[in-house]
C-alpha atoms as a PDB file:
ATOM      1  CA  MET A   1     -11.656 -12.119 -37.630  1.00  0.00           C
ATOM      2  CA  TRP A   2      -8.571  -9.819 -35.798  1.00  0.00           C
ATOM      3  CA  SER A   3     -11.283  -7.852 -34.763  1.00  0.00           C
ATOM      4  CA  ASN A   4     -13.675 -10.274 -32.358  1.00  0.00           C
ATOM      5  CA  SER A   5     -10.164 -12.080 -30.810  1.00  0.00           C
ATOM      6  CA  PHE A   6      -9.197  -9.149 -29.901  1.00  0.00           C
ATOM      7  CA  MET A   7     -12.974  -7.672 -28.520  1.00  0.00           C
ATOM      8  CA  SER A   8     -12.984 -10.515 -26.785  1.00  0.00           C
ATOM      9  CA  PHE A   9      -9.227 -10.312 -25.275  1.00  0.00           C
ATOM     10  CA  GLU A  10     -10.613  -6.713 -24.315  1.00  0.00           C
ATOM     11  CA  HIS A  11     -13.997  -7.850 -22.757  1.00  0.00           C
ATOM     12  CA  HIS A  12     -12.528 -10.463 -20.856  1.00  0.00           C
ATOM     13  CA  ARG A  13      -9.450  -8.330 -19.706  1.00  0.00           C
ATOM     14  CA  ALA A  14     -12.239  -6.002 -18.312  1.00  0.00           C
ATOM     15  CA  SER A  15     -14.112  -8.504 -16.323  1.00  0.00           C
ATOM     16  CA  GLU A  16     -10.447  -9.463 -15.270  1.00  0.00           C
ATOM     17  CA  ILE A  17     -10.222  -5.845 -13.817  1.00  0.00           C
ATOM     18  CA  GLU A  18     -13.384  -5.473 -12.538  1.00  0.00           C
ATOM     19  CA  GLN A  19     -12.968  -8.813 -10.169  1.00  0.00           C
ATOM     20  CA  SER A  20      -9.778  -7.621  -8.618  1.00  0.00           C
ATOM     21  CA  GLN A  21     -11.725  -4.315  -7.451  1.00  0.00           C
ATOM     22  CA  SER A  22     -14.900  -6.358  -6.098  1.00  0.00           C
ATOM     23  CA  LYS A  23     -11.886  -8.716  -4.283  1.00  0.00           C
ATOM     24  CA  VAL A  24     -11.552  -7.696  -0.009  1.00  0.00           C
ATOM     25  CA  LYS A  25      -8.207  -7.815   0.871  1.00  0.00           C
ATOM     26  CA  LEU A  26      -8.992  -9.174   4.528  1.00  0.00           C
ATOM     27  CA  THR A  27      -6.335  -7.230   6.351  1.00  0.00           C
ATOM     28  CA  ASP A  28      -8.396  -4.399   5.122  1.00  0.00           C
ATOM     29  CA  LEU A  29     -11.037  -5.919   6.563  1.00  0.00           C
ATOM     30  CA  LEU A  30      -9.093  -6.635   9.992  1.00  0.00           C
ATOM     31  CA  SER A  31      -7.892  -3.159  10.030  1.00  0.00           C
ATOM     32  CA  ARG A  32     -11.760  -1.591   9.359  1.00  0.00           C
ATOM     33  CA  LEU A  33     -13.304  -3.375  12.333  1.00  0.00           C
ATOM     34  CA  ASN A  34     -10.468  -2.348  14.714  1.00  0.00           C
ATOM     35  CA  LYS A  35     -11.372   1.084  13.735  1.00  0.00           C
ATOM     36  CA  GLU A  36     -14.697   0.456  14.304  1.00  0.00           C
ATOM     37  CA  LYS A  37     -13.903  -1.438  17.635  1.00  0.00           C
ATOM     38  CA  GLN A  38     -11.638   1.367  18.853  1.00  0.00           C
ATOM     39  CA  LYS A  39     -14.626   4.245  17.915  1.00  0.00           C
ATOM     40  CA  GLU A  40     -16.801   1.892  20.041  1.00  0.00           C
ATOM     41  CA  ARG A  41     -14.418   1.895  22.840  1.00  0.00           C
ATOM     42  CA  ASN A  42     -13.928   5.493  23.011  1.00  0.00           C
ATOM     43  CA  SER A  43     -17.437   5.967  22.980  1.00  0.00           C
ATOM     44  CA  ASN A  44     -18.340   3.433  25.888  1.00  0.00           C
ATOM     45  CA  ILE A  45     -15.711   5.176  27.585  1.00  0.00           C
ATOM     46  CA  ALA A  46     -17.430   8.861  27.213  1.00  0.00           C
ATOM     47  CA  LEU A  47     -20.875   7.280  28.115  1.00  0.00           C
ATOM     48  CA  SER A  48     -19.435   6.117  30.974  1.00  0.00           C
ATOM     49  CA  VAL A  49     -17.331   8.936  32.499  1.00  0.00           C
ATOM     50  CA  ALA A  50     -20.724  11.380  31.584  1.00  0.00           C
ATOM     51  CA  ALA A  51     -23.120   8.430  33.518  1.00  0.00           C
ATOM     52  CA  VAL A  52     -20.367   8.708  36.734  1.00  0.00           C
ATOM     53  CA  SER A  53     -20.248  12.372  36.575  1.00  0.00           C
ATOM     54  CA  ALA A  54     -23.691  12.581  36.298  1.00  0.00           C
ATOM     55  CA  VAL A  55     -24.720  10.519  39.418  1.00  0.00           C
ATOM     56  CA  THR A  56     -21.788  12.515  41.383  1.00  0.00           C
ATOM     57  CA  VAL A  57     -23.072  15.870  41.052  1.00  0.00           C
ATOM     58  CA  PHE A  58     -26.390  14.290  41.716  1.00  0.00           C
ATOM     59  CA  GLY A  59     -24.903  12.749  44.641  1.00  0.00           C
ATOM     60  CA  ILE A  60     -23.400  16.374  45.842  1.00  0.00           C
ATOM     61  CA  ILE A  61     -26.760  17.912  45.574  1.00  0.00           C
ATOM     62  CA  LEU A  62     -28.295  15.874  47.214  1.00  0.00           C
ATOM     63  CA  SER A  63     -26.244  15.982  50.149  1.00  0.00           C
ATOM     64  CA  LEU A  64     -25.860  19.919  50.649  1.00  0.00           C
END
């Protein structure tokens, strides 16, 4: 009888641990979202600089 209740307790405790590990904190999600936005912003800036540079170089070549 004691081993059945102990096993039941262990099973309950294991399911609690699984639930606590599967929960996602809102602050973690927001920080991850902000990091992704920053990466996207940086890549957009780099792409814009590359495009403007290409147009400038092309314009200089055409003016010669």
